[in-house]
Amino acid sequence: NDKLKNQLASRTSNKPAPVADTIEAYMKKMAPRF
C-alpha cells in the first residue's frame, strides 16, 4: 500500500502544469517587455 501511495504521489507531482498556469508564467516572464 505504501508503495502504491508513493507511485501515485510521484505521478501527481509529475503532471504538467495547467494551461492557465503556463500562460500566467509567460505573462510574468514577459512583464518587463510589456
PDB file of all heavy atoms in Angstrom:
ATOM      1  N   ASN A   1       0.821  -1.206   0.000  1.00  0.00           N
ATOM      2  CA  ASN A   1       0.000   0.000   0.000  1.00  0.00           C
ATOM      3  C   ASN A   1       0.857   1.259   0.000  1.00  0.00           C
ATOM      4  O   ASN A   1       0.565   2.234  -0.701  1.00  0.00           O
ATOM      5  CB  ASN A   1      -0.921   0.011   1.222  1.00  0.00           C
ATOM      6  CG  ASN A   1      -2.031  -1.023   1.092  1.00  0.00           C
ATOM      7  OD1 ASN A   1      -2.353  -1.448  -0.002  1.00  0.00           O
ATOM      8  ND2 ASN A   1      -2.597  -1.420   2.236  1.00  0.00           N
ATOM      9  N   ASP A   2       1.918   1.261   0.798  1.00  0.00           N
ATOM     10  CA  ASP A   2       2.820   2.418   0.846  1.00  0.00           C
ATOM     11  C   ASP A   2       3.469   2.648  -0.508  1.00  0.00           C
ATOM     12  O   ASP A   2       3.654   3.788  -0.942  1.00  0.00           O
ATOM     13  CB  ASP A   2       3.894   2.213   1.915  1.00  0.00           C
ATOM     14  CG  ASP A   2       3.320   2.302   3.326  1.00  0.00           C
ATOM     15  OD1 ASP A   2       2.216   2.859   3.466  1.00  0.00           O
ATOM     16  OD2 ASP A   2       3.975   1.794   4.257  1.00  0.00           O
ATOM     17  N   LYS A   3       3.833   1.532  -1.168  1.00  0.00           N
ATOM     18  CA  LYS A   3       4.469   1.646  -2.481  1.00  0.00           C
ATOM     19  C   LYS A   3       3.530   2.263  -3.499  1.00  0.00           C
ATOM     20  O   LYS A   3       3.908   3.130  -4.301  1.00  0.00           O
ATOM     21  CB  LYS A   3       4.912   0.255  -2.952  1.00  0.00           C
ATOM     22  CG  LYS A   3       5.682   0.280  -4.274  1.00  0.00           C
ATOM     23  CD  LYS A   3       6.148  -1.119  -4.631  1.00  0.00           C
ATOM     24  CE  LYS A   3       6.931  -1.089  -5.949  1.00  0.00           C
ATOM     25  NZ  LYS A   3       7.390  -2.452  -6.320  1.00  0.00           N
ATOM     26  N   LEU A   4       2.231   1.815  -3.453  1.00  0.00           N
ATOM     27  CA  LEU A   4       1.241   2.364  -4.371  1.00  0.00           C
ATOM     28  C   LEU A   4       1.020   3.846  -4.124  1.00  0.00           C
ATOM     29  O   LEU A   4       0.895   4.646  -5.049  1.00  0.00           O
ATOM     30  CB  LEU A   4      -0.083   1.607  -4.227  1.00  0.00           C
ATOM     31  CG  LEU A   4      -0.117   0.180  -4.782  1.00  0.00           C
ATOM     32  CD1 LEU A   4      -1.428  -0.500  -4.414  1.00  0.00           C
ATOM     33  CD2 LEU A   4       0.058   0.208  -6.306  1.00  0.00           C
ATOM     34  N   LYS A   5       0.972   4.230  -2.828  1.00  0.00           N
ATOM     35  CA  LYS A   5       0.785   5.628  -2.495  1.00  0.00           C
ATOM     36  C   LYS A   5       1.928   6.475  -3.016  1.00  0.00           C
ATOM     37  O   LYS A   5       1.731   7.575  -3.541  1.00  0.00           O
ATOM     38  CB  LYS A   5       0.665   5.795  -0.974  1.00  0.00           C
ATOM     39  CG  LYS A   5      -0.637   5.260  -0.402  1.00  0.00           C
ATOM     40  CD  LYS A   5      -0.679   5.454   1.109  1.00  0.00           C
ATOM     41  CE  LYS A   5      -1.980   4.918   1.682  1.00  0.00           C
ATOM     42  NZ  LYS A   5      -2.028   5.085   3.158  1.00  0.00           N
ATOM     43  N   ASN A   6       3.146   5.952  -2.893  1.00  0.00           N
ATOM     44  CA  ASN A   6       4.320   6.685  -3.371  1.00  0.00           C
ATOM     45  C   ASN A   6       4.293   6.843  -4.885  1.00  0.00           C
ATOM     46  O   ASN A   6       4.662   7.884  -5.428  1.00  0.00           O
ATOM     47  CB  ASN A   6       5.599   5.976  -2.941  1.00  0.00           C
ATOM     48  CG  ASN A   6       5.826   6.060  -1.447  1.00  0.00           C
ATOM     49  OD1 ASN A   6       5.340   6.978  -0.792  1.00  0.00           O
ATOM     50  ND2 ASN A   6       6.566   5.086  -0.893  1.00  0.00           N
ATOM     51  N   GLN A   7       3.849   5.780  -5.585  1.00  0.00           N
ATOM     52  CA  GLN A   7       3.773   5.849  -7.040  1.00  0.00           C
ATOM     53  C   GLN A   7       2.739   6.887  -7.488  1.00  0.00           C
ATOM     54  O   GLN A   7       2.975   7.661  -8.418  1.00  0.00           O
ATOM     55  CB  GLN A   7       3.409   4.470  -7.612  1.00  0.00           C
ATOM     56  CG  GLN A   7       4.530   3.444  -7.513  1.00  0.00           C
ATOM     57  CD  GLN A   7       4.089   2.074  -8.009  1.00  0.00           C
ATOM     58  OE1 GLN A   7       2.897   1.819  -8.170  1.00  0.00           O
ATOM     59  NE2 GLN A   7       5.053   1.188  -8.238  1.00  0.00           N
ATOM     60  N   LEU A   8       1.579   6.894  -6.802  1.00  0.00           N
ATOM     61  CA  LEU A   8       0.539   7.856  -7.147  1.00  0.00           C
ATOM     62  C   LEU A   8       1.007   9.278  -6.869  1.00  0.00           C
ATOM     63  O   LEU A   8       0.758  10.197  -7.652  1.00  0.00           O
ATOM     64  CB  LEU A   8      -0.737   7.567  -6.343  1.00  0.00           C
ATOM     65  CG  LEU A   8      -1.524   6.319  -6.759  1.00  0.00           C
ATOM     66  CD1 LEU A   8      -2.663   6.056  -5.776  1.00  0.00           C
ATOM     67  CD2 LEU A   8      -2.086   6.495  -8.163  1.00  0.00           C
ATOM     68  N   ALA A   9       1.703   9.456  -5.752  1.00  0.00           N
ATOM     69  CA  ALA A   9       2.216  10.776  -5.415  1.00  0.00           C
ATOM     70  C   ALA A   9       3.223  11.239  -6.437  1.00  0.00           C
ATOM     71  O   ALA A   9       3.257  12.406  -6.833  1.00  0.00           O
ATOM     72  CB  ALA A   9       2.850  10.749  -4.022  1.00  0.00           C
ATOM     73  N   SER A  10       4.053  10.278  -6.905  1.00  0.00           N
ATOM     74  CA  SER A  10       5.064  10.615  -7.907  1.00  0.00           C
ATOM     75  C   SER A  10       4.411  11.019  -9.218  1.00  0.00           C
ATOM     76  O   SER A  10       4.813  11.987  -9.859  1.00  0.00           O
ATOM     77  CB  SER A  10       5.999   9.421  -8.139  1.00  0.00           C
ATOM     78  OG  SER A  10       6.920   9.699  -9.166  1.00  0.00           O
ATOM     79  N   ARG A  11       3.366  10.303  -9.624  1.00  0.00           N
ATOM     80  CA  ARG A  11       2.663  10.632 -10.869  1.00  0.00           C
ATOM     81  C   ARG A  11       1.999  11.997 -10.766  1.00  0.00           C
ATOM     82  O   ARG A  11       2.015  12.780 -11.706  1.00  0.00           O
ATOM     83  CB  ARG A  11       1.604   9.568 -11.166  1.00  0.00           C
ATOM     84  CG  ARG A  11       2.190   8.223 -11.585  1.00  0.00           C
ATOM     85  CD  ARG A  11       1.097   7.203 -11.818  1.00  0.00           C
ATOM     86  NE  ARG A  11       1.643   5.894 -12.145  1.00  0.00           N
ATOM     87  CZ  ARG A  11       0.883   4.817 -12.353  1.00  0.00           C
ATOM     88  NH1 ARG A  11      -0.428   4.908 -12.256  1.00  0.00           N
ATOM     89  NH2 ARG A  11       1.456   3.675 -12.652  1.00  0.00           N
ATOM     90  N   THR A  12       1.396  12.263  -9.597  1.00  0.00           N
ATOM     91  CA  THR A  12       0.727  13.544  -9.409  1.00  0.00           C
ATOM     92  C   THR A  12       1.705  14.693  -9.498  1.00  0.00           C
ATOM     93  O   THR A  12       1.441  15.720 -10.122  1.00  0.00           O
ATOM     94  CB  THR A  12       0.029  13.582  -8.038  1.00  0.00           C
ATOM     95  OG1 THR A  12      -0.921  12.523  -7.974  1.00  0.00           O
ATOM     96  CG2 THR A  12      -0.691  14.911  -7.839  1.00  0.00           C
ATOM     97  N   SER A  13       2.880  14.520  -8.900  1.00  0.00           N
ATOM     98  CA  SER A  13       3.866  15.600  -8.897  1.00  0.00           C
ATOM     99  C   SER A  13       4.455  15.831 -10.272  1.00  0.00           C
ATOM    100  O   SER A  13       4.957  16.915 -10.563  1.00  0.00           O
ATOM    101  CB  SER A  13       4.992  15.280  -7.894  1.00  0.00           C
ATOM    102  OG  SER A  13       5.679  14.097  -8.286  1.00  0.00           O
ATOM    103  N   ASN A  14       4.373  14.809 -11.145  1.00  0.00           N
ATOM    104  CA  ASN A  14       4.948  14.941 -12.483  1.00  0.00           C
ATOM    105  C   ASN A  14       3.928  15.393 -13.526  1.00  0.00           C
ATOM    106  O   ASN A  14       4.246  15.497 -14.700  1.00  0.00           O
ATOM    107  CB  ASN A  14       5.558  13.601 -12.932  1.00  0.00           C
ATOM    108  CG  ASN A  14       6.805  13.247 -12.128  1.00  0.00           C
ATOM    109  OD1 ASN A  14       7.513  14.141 -11.667  1.00  0.00           O
ATOM    110  ND2 ASN A  14       7.048  11.960 -11.956  1.00  0.00           N
ATOM    111  N   LYS A  15       2.699  15.682 -13.103  1.00  0.00           N
ATOM    112  CA  LYS A  15       1.678  16.140 -14.052  1.00  0.00           C
ATOM    113  C   LYS A  15       2.070  17.492 -14.619  1.00  0.00           C
ATOM    114  O   LYS A  15       2.610  18.329 -13.916  1.00  0.00           O
ATOM    115  CB  LYS A  15       0.314  16.267 -13.356  1.00  0.00           C
ATOM    116  CG  LYS A  15      -0.398  14.943 -13.136  1.00  0.00           C
ATOM    117  CD  LYS A  15      -1.772  15.194 -12.537  1.00  0.00           C
ATOM    118  CE  LYS A  15      -2.524  13.885 -12.351  1.00  0.00           C
ATOM    119  NZ  LYS A  15      -3.872  14.124 -11.756  1.00  0.00           N
ATOM    120  N   PRO A  16       1.810  17.712 -15.898  1.00  0.00           N
ATOM    121  CA  PRO A  16       2.110  19.036 -16.467  1.00  0.00           C
ATOM    122  C   PRO A  16       1.250  20.111 -15.834  1.00  0.00           C
ATOM    123  O   PRO A  16       0.130  19.856 -15.410  1.00  0.00           O
ATOM    124  CB  PRO A  16       1.761  18.854 -17.956  1.00  0.00           C
ATOM    125  CG  PRO A  16       0.775  17.727 -17.979  1.00  0.00           C
ATOM    126  CD  PRO A  16       1.203  16.800 -16.881  1.00  0.00           C
ATOM    127  N   ALA A  17       1.764  21.307 -15.758  1.00  0.00           N
ATOM    128  CA  ALA A  17       1.029  22.422 -15.168  1.00  0.00           C
ATOM    129  C   ALA A  17      -0.182  22.756 -16.035  1.00  0.00           C
ATOM    130  O   ALA A  17      -0.139  22.610 -17.250  1.00  0.00           O
ATOM    131  CB  ALA A  17       1.934  23.634 -15.047  1.00  0.00           C
ATOM    132  N   PRO A  18      -1.298  23.170 -15.421  1.00  0.00           N
ATOM    133  CA  PRO A  18      -2.464  23.587 -16.211  1.00  0.00           C
ATOM    134  C   PRO A  18      -2.084  24.673 -17.202  1.00  0.00           C
ATOM    135  O   PRO A  18      -1.159  25.462 -16.960  1.00  0.00           O
ATOM    136  CB  PRO A  18      -3.423  24.114 -15.130  1.00  0.00           C
ATOM    137  CG  PRO A  18      -3.006  23.434 -13.869  1.00  0.00           C
ATOM    138  CD  PRO A  18      -1.521  23.270 -13.982  1.00  0.00           C
ATOM    139  N   VAL A  19      -2.819  24.725 -18.334  1.00  0.00           N
ATOM    140  CA  VAL A  19      -2.506  25.695 -19.380  1.00  0.00           C
ATOM    141  C   VAL A  19      -2.550  27.118 -18.842  1.00  0.00           C
ATOM    142  O   VAL A  19      -1.697  27.944 -19.159  1.00  0.00           O
ATOM    143  CB  VAL A  19      -3.493  25.540 -20.555  1.00  0.00           C
ATOM    144  CG1 VAL A  19      -3.238  26.611 -21.607  1.00  0.00           C
ATOM    145  CG2 VAL A  19      -3.367  24.149 -21.171  1.00  0.00           C
ATOM    146  N   ALA A  20      -3.556  27.413 -18.017  1.00  0.00           N
ATOM    147  CA  ALA A  20      -3.688  28.769 -17.472  1.00  0.00           C
ATOM    148  C   ALA A  20      -2.458  29.163 -16.670  1.00  0.00           C
ATOM    149  O   ALA A  20      -1.997  30.302 -16.726  1.00  0.00           O
ATOM    150  CB  ALA A  20      -4.941  28.860 -16.609  1.00  0.00           C
ATOM    151  N   ASP A  21      -1.918  28.192 -15.910  1.00  0.00           N
ATOM    152  CA  ASP A  21      -0.720  28.480 -15.115  1.00  0.00           C
ATOM    153  C   ASP A  21       0.481  28.716 -16.022  1.00  0.00           C
ATOM    154  O   ASP A  21       1.335  29.558 -15.733  1.00  0.00           O
ATOM    155  CB  ASP A  21      -0.431  27.323 -14.154  1.00  0.00           C
ATOM    156  CG  ASP A  21      -1.485  27.212 -13.055  1.00  0.00           C
ATOM    157  OD1 ASP A  21      -2.220  28.193 -12.855  1.00  0.00           O
ATOM    158  OD2 ASP A  21      -1.566  26.147 -12.416  1.00  0.00           O
ATOM    159  N   THR A  22       0.546  27.970 -17.126  1.00  0.00           N
ATOM    160  CA  THR A  22       1.642  28.155 -18.076  1.00  0.00           C
ATOM    161  C   THR A  22       1.582  29.553 -18.698  1.00  0.00           C
ATOM    162  O   THR A  22       2.597  30.235 -18.829  1.00  0.00           O
ATOM    163  CB  THR A  22       1.563  27.096 -19.192  1.00  0.00           C
ATOM    164  OG1 THR A  22       1.648  25.791 -18.612  1.00  0.00           O
ATOM    165  CG2 THR A  22       2.702  27.279 -20.192  1.00  0.00           C
ATOM    166  N   ILE A  23       0.381  29.977 -19.070  1.00  0.00           N
ATOM    167  CA  ILE A  23       0.210  31.312 -19.649  1.00  0.00           C
ATOM    168  C   ILE A  23       0.551  32.386 -18.632  1.00  0.00           C
ATOM    169  O   ILE A  23       1.185  33.396 -18.966  1.00  0.00           O
ATOM    170  CB  ILE A  23      -1.233  31.479 -20.167  1.00  0.00           C
ATOM    171  CG1 ILE A  23      -1.461  30.556 -21.370  1.00  0.00           C
ATOM    172  CG2 ILE A  23      -1.510  32.934 -20.552  1.00  0.00           C
ATOM    173  CD1 ILE A  23      -2.881  30.514 -21.863  1.00  0.00           C
ATOM    174  N   GLU A  24       0.149  32.173 -17.386  1.00  0.00           N
ATOM    175  CA  GLU A  24       0.476  33.140 -16.337  1.00  0.00           C
ATOM    176  C   GLU A  24       1.986  33.250 -16.166  1.00  0.00           C
ATOM    177  O   GLU A  24       2.515  34.349 -15.973  1.00  0.00           O
ATOM    178  CB  GLU A  24      -0.173  32.731 -15.016  1.00  0.00           C
ATOM    179  CG  GLU A  24       0.075  33.739 -13.902  1.00  0.00           C
ATOM    180  CD  GLU A  24      -0.683  33.408 -12.631  1.00  0.00           C
ATOM    181  OE1 GLU A  24      -1.402  32.372 -12.614  1.00  0.00           O
ATOM    182  OE2 GLU A  24      -0.566  34.163 -11.656  1.00  0.00           O
ATOM    183  N   ALA A  25       2.683  32.110 -16.271  1.00  0.00           N
ATOM    184  CA  ALA A  25       4.145  32.127 -16.168  1.00  0.00           C
ATOM    185  C   ALA A  25       4.757  32.918 -17.317  1.00  0.00           C
ATOM    186  O   ALA A  25       5.716  33.681 -17.122  1.00  0.00           O
ATOM    187  CB  ALA A  25       4.679  30.692 -16.153  1.00  0.00           C
ATOM    188  N   TYR A  26       4.220  32.755 -18.535  1.00  0.00           N
ATOM    189  CA  TYR A  26       4.697  33.522 -19.690  1.00  0.00           C
ATOM    190  C   TYR A  26       4.461  35.009 -19.473  1.00  0.00           C
ATOM    191  O   TYR A  26       5.307  35.843 -19.806  1.00  0.00           O
ATOM    192  CB  TYR A  26       3.982  33.063 -20.972  1.00  0.00           C
ATOM    193  CG  TYR A  26       4.688  31.974 -21.732  1.00  0.00           C
ATOM    194  CD1 TYR A  26       4.263  30.653 -21.650  1.00  0.00           C
ATOM    195  CD2 TYR A  26       5.787  32.260 -22.536  1.00  0.00           C
ATOM    196  CE1 TYR A  26       4.896  29.647 -22.337  1.00  0.00           C
ATOM    197  CE2 TYR A  26       6.429  31.251 -23.236  1.00  0.00           C
ATOM    198  CZ  TYR A  26       5.985  29.954 -23.136  1.00  0.00           C
ATOM    199  OH  TYR A  26       6.638  28.968 -23.821  1.00  0.00           O
ATOM    200  N   MET A  27       3.278  35.344 -18.923  1.00  0.00           N
ATOM    201  CA  MET A  27       2.959  36.743 -18.670  1.00  0.00           C
ATOM    202  C   MET A  27       3.973  37.365 -17.714  1.00  0.00           C
ATOM    203  O   MET A  27       4.432  38.494 -17.925  1.00  0.00           O
ATOM    204  CB  MET A  27       1.556  36.863 -18.088  1.00  0.00           C
ATOM    205  CG  MET A  27       0.441  36.596 -19.077  1.00  0.00           C
ATOM    206  SD  MET A  27       0.129  38.005 -20.178  1.00  0.00           S
ATOM    207  CE  MET A  27      -0.547  39.178 -19.027  1.00  0.00           C
ATOM    208  N   LYS A  28       4.306  36.637 -16.670  1.00  0.00           N
ATOM    209  CA  LYS A  28       5.278  37.144 -15.700  1.00  0.00           C
ATOM    210  C   LYS A  28       6.654  37.289 -16.338  1.00  0.00           C
ATOM    211  O   LYS A  28       7.380  38.255 -16.083  1.00  0.00           O
ATOM    212  CB  LYS A  28       5.345  36.207 -14.493  1.00  0.00           C
ATOM    213  CG  LYS A  28       4.102  36.249 -13.616  1.00  0.00           C
ATOM    214  CD  LYS A  28       4.233  35.317 -12.425  1.00  0.00           C
ATOM    215  CE  LYS A  28       2.987  35.386 -11.540  1.00  0.00           C
ATOM    216  NZ  LYS A  28       3.089  34.462 -10.382  1.00  0.00           N
ATOM    217  N   LYS A  29       6.997  36.331 -17.184  1.00  0.00           N
ATOM    218  CA  LYS A  29       8.295  36.368 -17.856  1.00  0.00           C
ATOM    219  C   LYS A  29       8.392  37.559 -18.805  1.00  0.00           C
ATOM    220  O   LYS A  29       9.451  38.186 -18.942  1.00  0.00           O
ATOM    221  CB  LYS A  29       8.511  35.057 -18.630  1.00  0.00           C
ATOM    222  CG  LYS A  29       9.852  34.976 -19.353  1.00  0.00           C
ATOM    223  CD  LYS A  29       9.981  33.643 -20.074  1.00  0.00           C
ATOM    224  CE  LYS A  29      11.308  33.554 -20.822  1.00  0.00           C
ATOM    225  NZ  LYS A  29      11.425  32.263 -21.556  1.00  0.00           N
ATOM    226  N   MET A  30       7.279  37.860 -19.465  1.00  0.00           N
ATOM    227  CA  MET A  30       7.270  38.936 -20.448  1.00  0.00           C
ATOM    228  C   MET A  30       6.924  40.304 -19.850  1.00  0.00           C
ATOM    229  O   MET A  30       6.925  41.309 -20.555  1.00  0.00           O
ATOM    230  CB  MET A  30       6.250  38.623 -21.558  1.00  0.00           C
ATOM    231  CG  MET A  30       6.602  37.410 -22.420  1.00  0.00           C
ATOM    232  SD  MET A  30       8.128  37.691 -23.383  1.00  0.00           S
ATOM    233  CE  MET A  30       9.282  36.640 -22.464  1.00  0.00           C
ATOM    234  N   ALA A  31       6.619  40.355 -18.548  1.00  0.00           N
ATOM    235  CA  ALA A  31       6.207  41.600 -17.903  1.00  0.00           C
ATOM    236  C   ALA A  31       7.173  42.761 -18.148  1.00  0.00           C
ATOM    237  O   ALA A  31       6.732  43.884 -18.460  1.00  0.00           O
ATOM    238  CB  ALA A  31       5.998  41.389 -16.404  1.00  0.00           C
ATOM    239  N   PRO A  32       8.493  42.566 -18.039  1.00  0.00           N
ATOM    240  CA  PRO A  32       9.418  43.679 -18.310  1.00  0.00           C
ATOM    241  C   PRO A  32       9.308  44.196 -19.746  1.00  0.00           C
ATOM    242  O   PRO A  32       9.380  45.402 -19.983  1.00  0.00           O
ATOM    243  CB  PRO A  32      10.802  43.063 -18.044  1.00  0.00           C
ATOM    244  CG  PRO A  32      10.537  41.951 -17.093  1.00  0.00           C
ATOM    245  CD  PRO A  32       9.222  41.382 -17.524  1.00  0.00           C
ATOM    246  N   ARG A  33       9.104  43.278 -20.716  1.00  0.00           N
ATOM    247  CA  ARG A  33       8.954  43.678 -22.118  1.00  0.00           C
ATOM    248  C   ARG A  33       7.648  44.460 -22.307  1.00  0.00           C
ATOM    249  O   ARG A  33       7.612  45.465 -23.024  1.00  0.00           O
ATOM    250  CB  ARG A  33       8.948  42.427 -23.000  1.00  0.00           C
ATOM    251  CG  ARG A  33       8.960  42.706 -24.497  1.00  0.00           C
ATOM    252  CD  ARG A  33      10.354  43.006 -25.001  1.00  0.00           C
ATOM    253  NE  ARG A  33      11.223  41.859 -24.897  1.00  0.00           N
ATOM    254  CZ  ARG A  33      11.344  40.907 -25.817  1.00  0.00           C
ATOM    255  NH1 ARG A  33      10.641  40.971 -26.938  1.00  0.00           N
ATOM    256  NH2 ARG A  33      12.177  39.910 -25.643  1.00  0.00           N
ATOM    257  N   PHE A  34       6.582  43.989 -21.668  1.00  0.00           N
ATOM    258  CA  PHE A  34       5.305  44.699 -21.745  1.00  0.00           C
ATOM    259  C   PHE A  34       5.421  46.090 -21.128  1.00  0.00           C
ATOM    260  O   PHE A  34       4.898  47.066 -21.662  1.00  0.00           O
ATOM    261  CB  PHE A  34       4.210  43.913 -21.020  1.00  0.00           C
ATOM    262  CG  PHE A  34       3.794  42.644 -21.711  1.00  0.00           C
ATOM    263  CD1 PHE A  34       3.373  41.539 -20.984  1.00  0.00           C
ATOM    264  CD2 PHE A  34       3.810  42.540 -23.091  1.00  0.00           C
ATOM    265  CE1 PHE A  34       2.988  40.368 -21.609  1.00  0.00           C
ATOM    266  CE2 PHE A  34       3.434  41.377 -23.737  1.00  0.00           C
ATOM    267  CZ  PHE A  34       3.015  40.282 -22.992  1.00  0.00           C
TER     268      PHE A  34
END
